[in-house]
Amino acid sequence: MISVISVVKLIGDKRGIPVTLAILDLQTPAGQAGLKDRLDRLRMTAAADSEAARTVAGIVADVRAHGDEAVVRYMRQWTDPQFSAARIRVGPEELDRALQQLDKDLRGAIERAIAQVRAYQEHILPKPTAPVRIGGAELGLRWSAVPSVGLNVPGGAAVLFSTLIMLAVPAIVAGVKPENIAVVNPPPTRKGEQKDGPSDISPIVMATCRLLGISKLYRIGGAQAIAALAFGTASVPKVEMIAGPGNIYSQLAKQQVAGVVGGDGGFYGPSEVLVIADESASARRVAADLIAQAEHDPGKCFLVSWDRAVLESILAEVERQLPARRRIEAIRKALANESIVALVKDRAQAVELGNELAAEHVNLAVAAKDMSWWLERIVHGGEFFLGDTTPVAAGDYYAGPSHCLPTGTTARFASGISVYTFLKRSGTVQYPGATMPRQAIDDIARLAEAEGLDGHAESARVRG
């Protein structure tokens, strides 16, 4: 059966708005059907929906043909009716002013977050590998950074300067020069034909660019920003690679310009968290993590346990904490429409469901003595948070691994942003002697002739 906990809270104007969460019992047909519906919708978030794909294709073609003119047109249509080409680039004096006016304590926190992320990315940076001699050849591997990158930092209701850190620091550690990094970040969407001055991006984003040494910041977003970075316009430089999260339109745009420019290899869409909780989990801590994720717009929360009492305790705690949150309306919608609370048969079924969800964030709120058991079995996830003492927010802002992670079950085959994203690798081959080894020549020639390529065969023989 599906057990529904529905509680009415007084929200905003004191109207009663229900907050509904359903426990899906996966041992029942109704529970299985409810889970299937949610999983189908989750997978579609990363699918190239035909209507959205056609819309994006039109935008990309328009920006490629008309540059700034098309970018401005789409920014006026969807973001700011008063947008103009003069507003596209953020001037250096604006960046300087934003840094000068940045709150001292906030600046310290940002600088420490940058240092923390930098230390982790430097730790995982691939080290030079000594050549190996095989069959008379010296074989090596060399790493090099992409020459230039465009970073997509979403706008909207939240000021995501943390995303700028999580994208830029791995790129810089990889070897991308800050002066070759272009950041796109749209101003908040305006309502109607407002006349009270232009909409603008956050000065915290501007100040963070300065702290990172980045001078190219552009007030644009969506598919039009991705296209501008891919093809270049009068105001926006063409880059060699584009990376970053965003809505379905920007993610589809990244796919459609792939080949013209490099991509980050992931679908970084609507944010999500999976919490697997046992009887040792703190309901208060788990509930706080679920609410934190749900305040994204939208945010997706997946809560799994084989103990109904654990689920009910956590859901009751969610209801207790919810009225204190500012973004209660977004949280309410995410919990009611985007989230899953699953009662599974046992730990084995929890593992099976966890790997099927392949969530962006996986919080294992289980006993420490069992942690290795879970990590050996749950193999799909963007980032793992071990124990209920570890908040997902630590990964969002501070810990070190980037918070730009695969969503929509794509962690089955994709990884998050890291220093590796911005690196290219090339093999090296050298036969250091005056001639190649006879065995290598004979083998290469035989293999080439078997494919009918006698020119390849002769190119080896002349080295003998």
Protein backbone atom coordinates (compact mmCIF):
# COMPACT_ATOMS: atom_id res chain seq x y z
CA MET A 1 0.00 0.00 0.00
CA ILE A 2 0.98 3.66 -0.29
CA SER A 3 0.92 5.38 3.06
CA VAL A 4 0.51 9.14 2.69
CA ILE A 5 1.52 11.61 5.37
CA SER A 6 -0.22 14.92 4.67
CA VAL A 7 0.19 17.89 6.98
CA VAL A 8 -1.28 21.38 6.55
CA LYS A 9 1.07 24.25 7.34
CA LEU A 10 0.42 27.97 7.48
CA ILE A 11 2.56 29.45 4.77
CA GLY A 12 3.10 33.02 3.63
CA ASP A 13 -0.32 34.65 3.71
CA LYS A 14 -1.55 32.16 6.36
CA ARG A 15 -3.40 30.03 3.81
CA GLY A 16 -3.28 26.31 4.57
CA ILE A 17 -1.13 24.58 1.94
CA PRO A 18 -0.74 20.79 2.19
CA VAL A 19 2.70 19.25 2.20
CA THR A 20 2.33 15.65 1.03
CA LEU A 21 4.92 12.88 1.06
CA ALA A 22 4.07 9.31 0.13
CA ILE A 23 5.79 6.18 1.44
CA LEU A 24 5.94 3.76 -1.46
CA ASP A 25 5.95 0.16 -0.19
CA LEU A 26 7.88 -1.63 -2.90
CA GLN A 27 6.47 -5.00 -1.86
CA THR A 28 3.07 -3.95 -3.19
CA PRO A 29 1.88 -3.42 -6.80
CA ALA A 30 0.78 0.14 -5.97
CA GLY A 31 4.17 0.99 -4.53
CA GLN A 32 5.98 -0.49 -7.51
CA ALA A 33 3.76 1.46 -9.91
CA GLY A 34 4.39 4.70 -8.02
CA LEU A 35 8.15 4.13 -8.13
CA LYS A 36 8.07 3.32 -11.84
CA ASP A 37 6.25 6.58 -12.58
CA ARG A 38 8.83 8.62 -10.67
CA LEU A 39 11.77 6.77 -12.25
CA ASP A 40 10.37 7.26 -15.75
CA ARG A 41 10.07 11.00 -15.14
CA LEU A 42 13.53 11.15 -13.60
CA ARG A 43 15.16 9.50 -16.60
CA MET A 44 13.38 11.89 -18.95
CA THR A 45 15.09 14.88 -17.33
CA ALA A 46 18.25 13.91 -19.22
CA ALA A 47 16.49 12.89 -22.45
CA ALA A 48 16.61 14.95 -25.61
CA ASP A 49 12.92 15.81 -25.67
CA SER A 50 12.03 16.49 -29.28
CA GLU A 51 10.26 19.80 -28.70
CA ALA A 52 12.99 21.15 -26.42
CA ALA A 53 15.68 19.87 -28.80
CA ARG A 54 14.05 21.63 -31.75
CA THR A 55 13.80 24.86 -29.78
CA VAL A 56 17.47 24.66 -28.83
CA ALA A 57 18.52 23.85 -32.40
CA GLY A 58 16.76 27.00 -33.59
CA ILE A 59 18.47 29.13 -30.95
CA VAL A 60 21.91 27.69 -31.72
CA ALA A 61 21.49 28.30 -35.46
CA ASP A 62 20.21 31.83 -34.87
CA VAL A 63 23.12 32.79 -32.60
CA ARG A 64 25.61 31.26 -35.02
CA ALA A 65 24.18 33.36 -37.86
CA HIS A 66 23.40 36.62 -36.05
CA GLY A 67 25.69 36.75 -33.01
CA ASP A 68 24.97 39.42 -30.42
CA GLU A 69 21.71 40.43 -32.13
CA ALA A 70 20.24 36.96 -31.52
CA VAL A 71 21.66 36.74 -28.00
CA VAL A 72 20.02 40.04 -27.07
CA ARG A 73 16.71 38.98 -28.60
CA TYR A 74 16.54 35.81 -26.51
CA MET A 75 17.68 37.58 -23.35
CA ARG A 76 14.87 40.10 -23.84
CA GLN A 77 12.36 37.32 -24.47
CA TRP A 78 13.16 35.18 -21.44
CA THR A 79 15.17 37.22 -18.95
CA ASP A 80 15.05 41.01 -19.18
CA PRO A 81 12.86 43.02 -21.60
CA GLN A 82 15.37 45.91 -21.39
CA PHE A 83 18.48 43.87 -22.13
CA SER A 84 20.95 45.35 -24.63
CA ALA A 85 24.24 44.37 -26.26
CA ALA A 86 26.05 46.90 -24.09
CA ARG A 87 25.03 44.84 -21.06
CA ILE A 88 26.56 41.56 -22.26
CA ARG A 89 30.06 42.00 -20.88
CA VAL A 90 30.77 42.95 -17.28
CA GLY A 91 33.40 45.70 -17.26
CA PRO A 92 36.64 45.48 -15.27
CA GLU A 93 35.65 48.45 -13.13
CA GLU A 94 32.47 46.58 -12.10
CA LEU A 95 34.53 43.57 -11.04
CA ASP A 96 36.89 45.77 -9.05
CA ARG A 97 34.04 47.58 -7.34
CA ALA A 98 32.30 44.33 -6.44
CA LEU A 99 35.44 42.98 -4.80
CA GLN A 100 36.02 46.20 -2.88
CA GLN A 101 32.46 46.12 -1.54
CA LEU A 102 32.40 42.42 -0.69
CA ASP A 103 31.66 41.70 2.97
CA LYS A 104 34.92 40.94 4.78
CA ASP A 105 33.68 37.78 6.49
CA LEU A 106 32.08 36.47 3.30
CA ARG A 107 35.30 37.15 1.40
CA GLY A 108 37.22 35.10 3.94
CA ALA A 109 34.78 32.19 3.57
CA ILE A 110 35.01 32.34 -0.24
CA GLU A 111 38.81 32.43 -0.15
CA ARG A 112 38.90 29.44 2.20
CA ALA A 113 36.47 27.53 -0.02
CA ILE A 114 38.67 28.26 -3.06
CA ALA A 115 41.75 27.05 -1.15
CA GLN A 116 39.98 23.89 0.01
CA VAL A 117 38.78 22.99 -3.48
CA ARG A 118 42.20 23.83 -4.95
CA ALA A 119 43.97 21.55 -2.44
CA TYR A 120 41.73 18.61 -3.33
CA GLN A 121 42.01 19.14 -7.08
CA GLU A 122 45.80 19.45 -6.82
CA HIS A 123 45.83 16.19 -4.85
CA ILE A 124 44.03 14.29 -7.62
CA LEU A 125 45.88 16.00 -10.49
CA PRO A 126 47.48 13.25 -12.61
CA LYS A 127 51.19 12.92 -11.97
CA PRO A 128 53.73 12.50 -14.82
CA THR A 129 54.24 8.86 -15.69
CA ALA A 130 57.67 7.51 -16.59
CA PRO A 131 57.87 5.91 -20.06
CA VAL A 132 57.69 2.12 -20.24
CA ARG A 133 59.77 0.04 -22.70
CA ILE A 134 57.76 -2.62 -24.54
CA GLY A 135 58.97 -4.47 -27.62
CA GLY A 136 61.85 -2.06 -28.14
CA ALA A 137 59.60 1.03 -28.01
CA GLU A 138 59.46 3.68 -25.30
CA LEU A 139 55.79 4.43 -24.62
CA GLY A 140 54.60 7.36 -22.57
CA LEU A 141 51.63 9.55 -21.72
CA ARG A 142 51.47 13.32 -21.63
CA TRP A 143 48.75 15.56 -20.19
CA SER A 144 47.86 19.06 -21.38
CA ALA A 145 45.09 21.47 -20.47
CA VAL A 146 42.49 22.65 -22.96
CA PRO A 147 43.48 26.13 -24.21
CA SER A 148 40.26 27.96 -23.28
CA VAL A 149 36.96 27.16 -21.57
CA GLY A 150 33.52 28.64 -21.17
CA LEU A 151 31.88 28.06 -17.79
CA ASN A 152 28.09 28.06 -17.51
CA VAL A 153 26.98 29.35 -14.10
CA PRO A 154 23.17 29.22 -13.80
CA GLY A 155 21.21 32.26 -12.63
CA GLY A 156 17.63 32.39 -11.43
CA ALA A 157 16.46 32.76 -7.85
CA ALA A 158 19.70 31.55 -6.22
CA VAL A 159 23.08 33.30 -6.41
CA LEU A 160 25.31 30.36 -7.35
CA PHE A 161 28.79 31.82 -6.91
CA SER A 162 29.68 28.44 -5.40
CA THR A 163 29.20 26.89 -8.85
CA LEU A 164 31.73 29.35 -10.25
CA ILE A 165 34.27 28.09 -7.69
CA MET A 166 33.46 24.45 -8.40
CA LEU A 167 33.99 24.93 -12.14
CA ALA A 168 36.85 27.41 -12.28
CA VAL A 169 39.20 25.96 -9.67
CA PRO A 170 39.46 22.51 -11.32
CA ALA A 171 40.06 24.23 -14.67
CA ILE A 172 42.80 26.46 -13.26
CA VAL A 173 44.48 23.56 -11.45
CA ALA A 174 44.42 21.61 -14.72
CA GLY A 175 46.41 24.43 -16.31
CA VAL A 176 43.79 26.61 -18.00
CA LYS A 177 44.94 30.20 -17.62
CA PRO A 178 42.36 32.41 -15.83
CA GLU A 179 42.54 34.94 -18.68
CA ASN A 180 41.35 32.17 -21.02
CA ILE A 181 38.25 31.39 -18.96
CA ALA A 182 34.92 32.96 -19.99
CA VAL A 183 32.02 32.82 -17.52
CA VAL A 184 28.36 33.22 -18.48
CA ASN A 185 25.85 34.00 -15.73
CA PRO A 186 22.40 35.47 -16.48
CA PRO A 187 20.67 38.09 -14.35
CA PRO A 188 17.43 37.12 -12.58
CA THR A 189 14.33 36.82 -14.74
CA ARG A 190 12.20 39.95 -14.63
CA LYS A 191 8.43 40.10 -14.51
CA GLY A 192 6.84 42.10 -17.30
CA GLU A 193 8.01 45.46 -18.58
CA GLN A 194 9.62 46.79 -15.40
CA LYS A 195 11.08 50.29 -15.64
CA ASP A 196 13.06 50.44 -12.42
CA GLY A 197 16.49 49.93 -13.91
CA PRO A 198 18.27 46.98 -15.49
CA SER A 199 18.35 43.54 -13.91
CA ASP A 200 21.86 42.49 -12.94
CA ILE A 201 23.86 39.51 -11.82
CA SER A 202 25.08 39.24 -8.27
CA PRO A 203 28.07 41.35 -7.22
CA ILE A 204 29.22 38.27 -5.27
CA VAL A 205 29.65 36.44 -8.59
CA MET A 206 31.62 39.42 -9.89
CA ALA A 207 33.82 39.52 -6.78
CA THR A 208 34.44 35.78 -6.94
CA CYS A 209 35.63 36.15 -10.52
CA ARG A 210 38.16 38.71 -9.35
CA LEU A 211 39.34 36.43 -6.53
CA LEU A 212 39.87 33.68 -9.10
CA GLY A 213 41.71 35.98 -11.50
CA ILE A 214 38.93 35.75 -14.12
CA SER A 215 38.19 38.91 -16.12
CA LYS A 216 35.76 37.61 -18.77
CA LEU A 217 32.26 37.60 -17.29
CA TYR A 218 29.08 37.86 -19.39
CA ARG A 219 25.48 38.59 -18.33
CA ILE A 220 23.90 35.90 -20.51
CA GLY A 221 22.54 32.40 -19.97
CA GLY A 222 20.58 29.55 -21.47
CA ALA A 223 21.07 27.97 -24.88
CA GLN A 224 21.97 31.36 -26.37
CA ALA A 225 24.96 31.67 -24.01
CA ILE A 226 26.19 28.18 -24.88
CA ALA A 227 25.91 28.97 -28.60
CA ALA A 228 27.73 32.29 -28.14
CA LEU A 229 30.62 30.53 -26.42
CA ALA A 230 30.74 27.82 -29.10
CA PHE A 231 30.74 30.10 -32.17
CA GLY A 232 31.83 33.46 -30.77
CA THR A 233 30.10 36.82 -31.20
CA ALA A 234 31.26 40.43 -31.27
CA SER A 235 31.06 40.48 -27.46
CA VAL A 236 31.72 36.86 -26.46
CA PRO A 237 34.93 35.00 -27.35
CA LYS A 238 34.85 31.58 -28.93
CA VAL A 239 36.22 28.90 -26.59
CA GLU A 240 37.53 25.38 -27.11
CA MET A 241 35.39 23.73 -24.42
CA ILE A 242 32.18 24.42 -22.46
CA ALA A 243 31.40 23.05 -19.01
CA GLY A 244 28.80 23.51 -16.31
CA PRO A 245 25.31 22.72 -15.03
CA GLY A 246 22.00 24.25 -16.03
CA ASN A 247 18.46 23.63 -17.20
CA ILE A 248 17.40 21.29 -19.99
CA TYR A 249 17.96 23.98 -22.65
CA SER A 250 21.56 24.72 -21.75
CA GLN A 251 22.33 21.02 -21.36
CA LEU A 252 20.83 20.21 -24.77
CA ALA A 253 22.74 23.13 -26.24
CA LYS A 254 26.00 21.65 -24.93
CA GLN A 255 25.10 18.41 -26.70
CA GLN A 256 24.25 20.16 -29.97
CA VAL A 257 27.50 22.14 -30.19
CA ALA A 258 29.64 19.11 -29.29
CA GLY A 259 32.29 18.67 -31.95
CA VAL A 260 32.40 22.39 -32.66
CA VAL A 261 33.69 22.66 -29.10
CA GLY A 262 34.52 20.13 -26.43
CA GLY A 263 32.05 19.30 -23.68
CA ASP A 264 32.21 18.22 -20.07
CA GLY A 265 30.77 14.79 -20.84
CA GLY A 266 27.91 15.03 -18.37
CA PHE A 267 24.28 15.99 -17.89
CA TYR A 268 24.27 18.34 -14.92
CA GLY A 269 20.60 19.18 -14.54
CA PRO A 270 18.09 19.53 -11.68
CA SER A 271 19.75 18.71 -8.37
CA GLU A 272 18.99 15.49 -6.47
CA VAL A 273 19.91 13.53 -3.34
CA LEU A 274 19.49 9.90 -2.32
CA VAL A 275 19.53 9.15 1.41
CA ILE A 276 19.69 5.54 2.57
CA ALA A 277 18.91 5.47 6.27
CA ASP A 278 19.06 2.75 8.90
CA GLU A 279 17.93 2.80 12.51
CA SER A 280 21.12 4.62 13.56
CA ALA A 281 20.34 7.68 11.41
CA SER A 282 19.49 10.98 13.06
CA ALA A 283 16.04 11.99 11.83
CA ARG A 284 16.88 15.63 12.49
CA ARG A 285 20.02 15.56 10.35
CA VAL A 286 18.51 13.55 7.50
CA ALA A 287 15.44 15.81 7.39
CA ALA A 288 17.68 18.87 7.20
CA ASP A 289 19.54 17.36 4.21
CA LEU A 290 16.27 16.58 2.42
CA ILE A 291 14.97 20.11 2.95
CA ALA A 292 18.29 21.60 1.82
CA GLN A 293 18.08 19.65 -1.43
CA ALA A 294 14.39 20.42 -1.95
CA GLU A 295 14.99 24.17 -1.81
CA HIS A 296 16.60 23.97 -5.23
CA ASP A 297 14.01 24.87 -7.83
CA PRO A 298 13.36 22.06 -8.51
CA GLY A 299 15.13 19.71 -6.13
CA LYS A 300 14.65 15.96 -6.03
CA CYS A 301 14.82 13.93 -2.82
CA PHE A 302 14.97 10.14 -2.62
CA LEU A 303 14.68 8.60 0.85
CA VAL A 304 15.08 4.82 1.21
CA SER A 305 14.91 2.47 4.19
CA TRP A 306 13.71 -1.03 5.06
CA ASP A 307 12.39 0.24 8.39
CA ARG A 308 9.02 2.03 8.24
CA ALA A 309 9.56 3.61 11.65
CA VAL A 310 12.78 5.25 10.37
CA LEU A 311 10.95 6.73 7.37
CA GLU A 312 8.05 7.99 9.46
CA SER A 313 10.39 9.58 11.99
CA ILE A 314 12.30 11.42 9.26
CA LEU A 315 9.14 12.62 7.52
CA ALA A 316 7.73 13.91 10.80
CA GLU A 317 10.98 15.82 11.34
CA VAL A 318 10.71 17.30 7.84
CA GLU A 319 7.27 18.63 8.74
CA ARG A 320 8.61 20.07 11.98
CA GLN A 321 11.54 21.90 10.31
CA LEU A 322 9.81 23.07 7.17
CA PRO A 323 7.98 26.20 8.45
CA ALA A 324 11.30 27.85 9.38
CA ARG A 325 12.66 27.78 5.83
CA ARG A 326 12.48 30.85 3.54
CA ARG A 327 11.92 28.97 0.29
CA ILE A 328 9.07 26.92 1.68
CA GLU A 329 7.00 27.03 -1.51
CA ALA A 330 9.81 25.57 -3.64
CA ILE A 331 10.51 22.96 -0.96
CA ARG A 332 6.85 22.00 -0.75
CA LYS A 333 6.62 21.48 -4.52
CA ALA A 334 9.83 19.46 -4.65
CA LEU A 335 8.76 17.15 -1.85
CA ALA A 336 5.24 16.66 -3.20
CA ASN A 337 6.00 16.38 -6.92
CA GLU A 338 9.64 15.39 -7.41
CA SER A 339 10.56 13.16 -4.49
CA ILE A 340 10.46 9.46 -3.59
CA VAL A 341 10.16 7.85 -0.15
CA ALA A 342 10.61 4.12 -0.61
CA LEU A 343 10.09 1.31 1.90
CA VAL A 344 12.20 -1.57 0.62
CA LYS A 345 12.28 -5.21 1.71
CA ASP A 346 15.87 -5.25 2.97
CA ARG A 347 19.35 -3.83 2.48
CA ALA A 348 19.83 -5.78 -0.75
CA GLN A 349 16.78 -4.10 -2.31
CA ALA A 350 18.04 -0.73 -1.07
CA VAL A 351 21.30 -1.36 -2.94
CA GLU A 352 19.39 -2.34 -6.08
CA LEU A 353 17.25 0.82 -5.93
CA GLY A 354 20.27 3.00 -5.14
CA ASN A 355 22.10 1.79 -8.24
CA GLU A 356 18.97 2.26 -10.33
CA LEU A 357 18.51 5.85 -9.15
CA ALA A 358 22.24 6.57 -9.73
CA ALA A 359 21.75 9.85 -7.90
CA GLU A 360 23.82 13.02 -8.03
CA HIS A 361 24.40 12.99 -4.26
CA VAL A 362 24.30 9.76 -2.24
CA ASN A 363 24.11 10.17 1.53
CA LEU A 364 24.71 6.88 3.38
CA ALA A 365 23.10 7.62 6.76
CA VAL A 366 24.03 4.20 8.12
CA ALA A 367 26.10 2.80 10.96
CA ALA A 368 29.84 3.37 10.56
CA LYS A 369 30.56 -0.35 10.99
CA ASP A 370 28.48 -1.08 7.85
CA MET A 371 29.88 1.69 5.62
CA SER A 372 32.31 -0.51 3.68
CA TRP A 373 29.50 -2.99 2.96
CA TRP A 374 27.46 -0.25 1.30
CA LEU A 375 30.38 1.26 -0.62
CA GLU A 376 31.27 -2.11 -2.08
CA ARG A 377 27.75 -2.53 -3.46
CA ILE A 378 26.43 0.91 -4.47
CA VAL A 379 28.56 1.74 -7.48
CA HIS A 380 26.47 4.46 -9.17
CA GLY A 381 26.47 7.96 -7.71
CA GLY A 382 27.93 11.38 -8.47
CA GLU A 383 29.36 11.90 -4.99
CA PHE A 384 29.06 9.93 -1.76
CA PHE A 385 28.56 11.46 1.69
CA LEU A 386 29.40 8.99 4.42
CA GLY A 387 27.40 9.04 7.65
CA ASP A 388 24.70 11.38 8.90
CA THR A 389 27.38 13.69 10.32
CA THR A 390 28.36 14.69 6.75
CA PRO A 391 25.98 17.22 5.14
CA VAL A 392 25.61 17.39 1.38
CA ALA A 393 26.11 21.15 1.78
CA ALA A 394 29.77 20.42 2.59
CA GLY A 395 30.14 19.18 -0.98
CA ASP A 396 28.08 22.05 -2.35
CA TYR A 397 30.35 24.73 -0.95
CA TYR A 398 33.55 23.64 0.60
CA ALA A 399 34.86 20.09 0.87
CA GLY A 400 36.86 19.79 -2.37
CA PRO A 401 35.18 17.59 -5.01
CA SER A 402 33.17 19.73 -7.42
CA HIS A 403 29.44 19.94 -6.85
CA CYS A 404 28.81 19.82 -10.63
CA LEU A 405 27.66 16.21 -10.79
CA PRO A 406 25.68 13.91 -13.12
CA THR A 407 21.89 13.87 -12.66
CA GLY A 408 18.86 12.08 -14.09
CA THR A 409 20.40 8.61 -13.44
CA THR A 410 23.37 9.47 -15.70
CA ALA A 411 25.83 8.65 -12.90
CA ARG A 412 25.47 5.13 -14.30
CA PHE A 413 28.04 6.13 -16.92
CA ALA A 414 29.15 9.72 -16.27
CA SER A 415 31.30 11.53 -13.72
CA GLY A 416 31.29 14.95 -12.13
CA ILE A 417 33.45 17.92 -13.03
CA SER A 418 37.04 17.67 -11.82
CA VAL A 419 40.56 18.57 -12.88
CA TYR A 420 40.32 15.61 -15.31
CA THR A 421 37.51 17.35 -17.20
CA PHE A 422 39.87 20.05 -18.47
CA LEU A 423 42.81 17.80 -19.36
CA LYS A 424 43.68 16.11 -22.65
CA ARG A 425 45.93 13.08 -22.75
CA SER A 426 48.19 12.00 -25.59
CA GLY A 427 50.30 8.90 -25.94
CA THR A 428 53.95 9.08 -27.02
CA VAL A 429 55.78 6.40 -29.02
CA GLN A 430 59.53 6.27 -29.76
CA TYR A 431 61.87 3.61 -31.10
CA PRO A 432 65.12 5.10 -29.80
CA GLY A 433 67.63 2.93 -31.69
CA ALA A 434 69.04 3.40 -35.19
CA THR A 435 66.56 0.80 -36.47
CA MET A 436 63.34 -0.72 -35.22
CA PRO A 437 63.47 -4.25 -33.76
CA ARG A 438 63.08 -6.87 -36.52
CA GLN A 439 60.19 -8.60 -34.72
CA ALA A 440 58.22 -5.33 -34.51
CA ILE A 441 58.82 -4.61 -38.22
CA ASP A 442 57.72 -8.09 -39.27
CA ASP A 443 54.61 -8.05 -37.07
CA ILE A 444 53.52 -4.58 -38.20
CA ALA A 445 54.03 -5.47 -41.86
CA ARG A 446 52.12 -8.75 -41.50
CA LEU A 447 49.20 -7.05 -39.75
CA ALA A 448 49.08 -4.23 -42.31
CA GLU A 449 49.13 -6.57 -45.30
CA ALA A 450 46.34 -8.63 -43.74
CA GLU A 451 44.24 -5.47 -43.92
CA GLY A 452 45.32 -4.85 -47.51
CA LEU A 453 47.43 -1.80 -46.61
CA ASP A 454 50.81 -2.50 -48.14
CA GLY A 455 51.88 1.14 -47.81
CA HIS A 456 51.63 0.78 -44.04
CA ALA A 457 53.69 -2.39 -44.23
CA GLU A 458 56.43 -0.72 -46.26
CA SER A 459 56.56 2.28 -43.91
CA ALA A 460 57.65 -0.15 -41.18
CA ARG A 461 60.07 -2.11 -43.38
CA VAL A 462 62.01 1.02 -44.37
CA ARG A 463 62.92 1.43 -40.67
CA GLY A 464 64.79 -1.90 -40.70
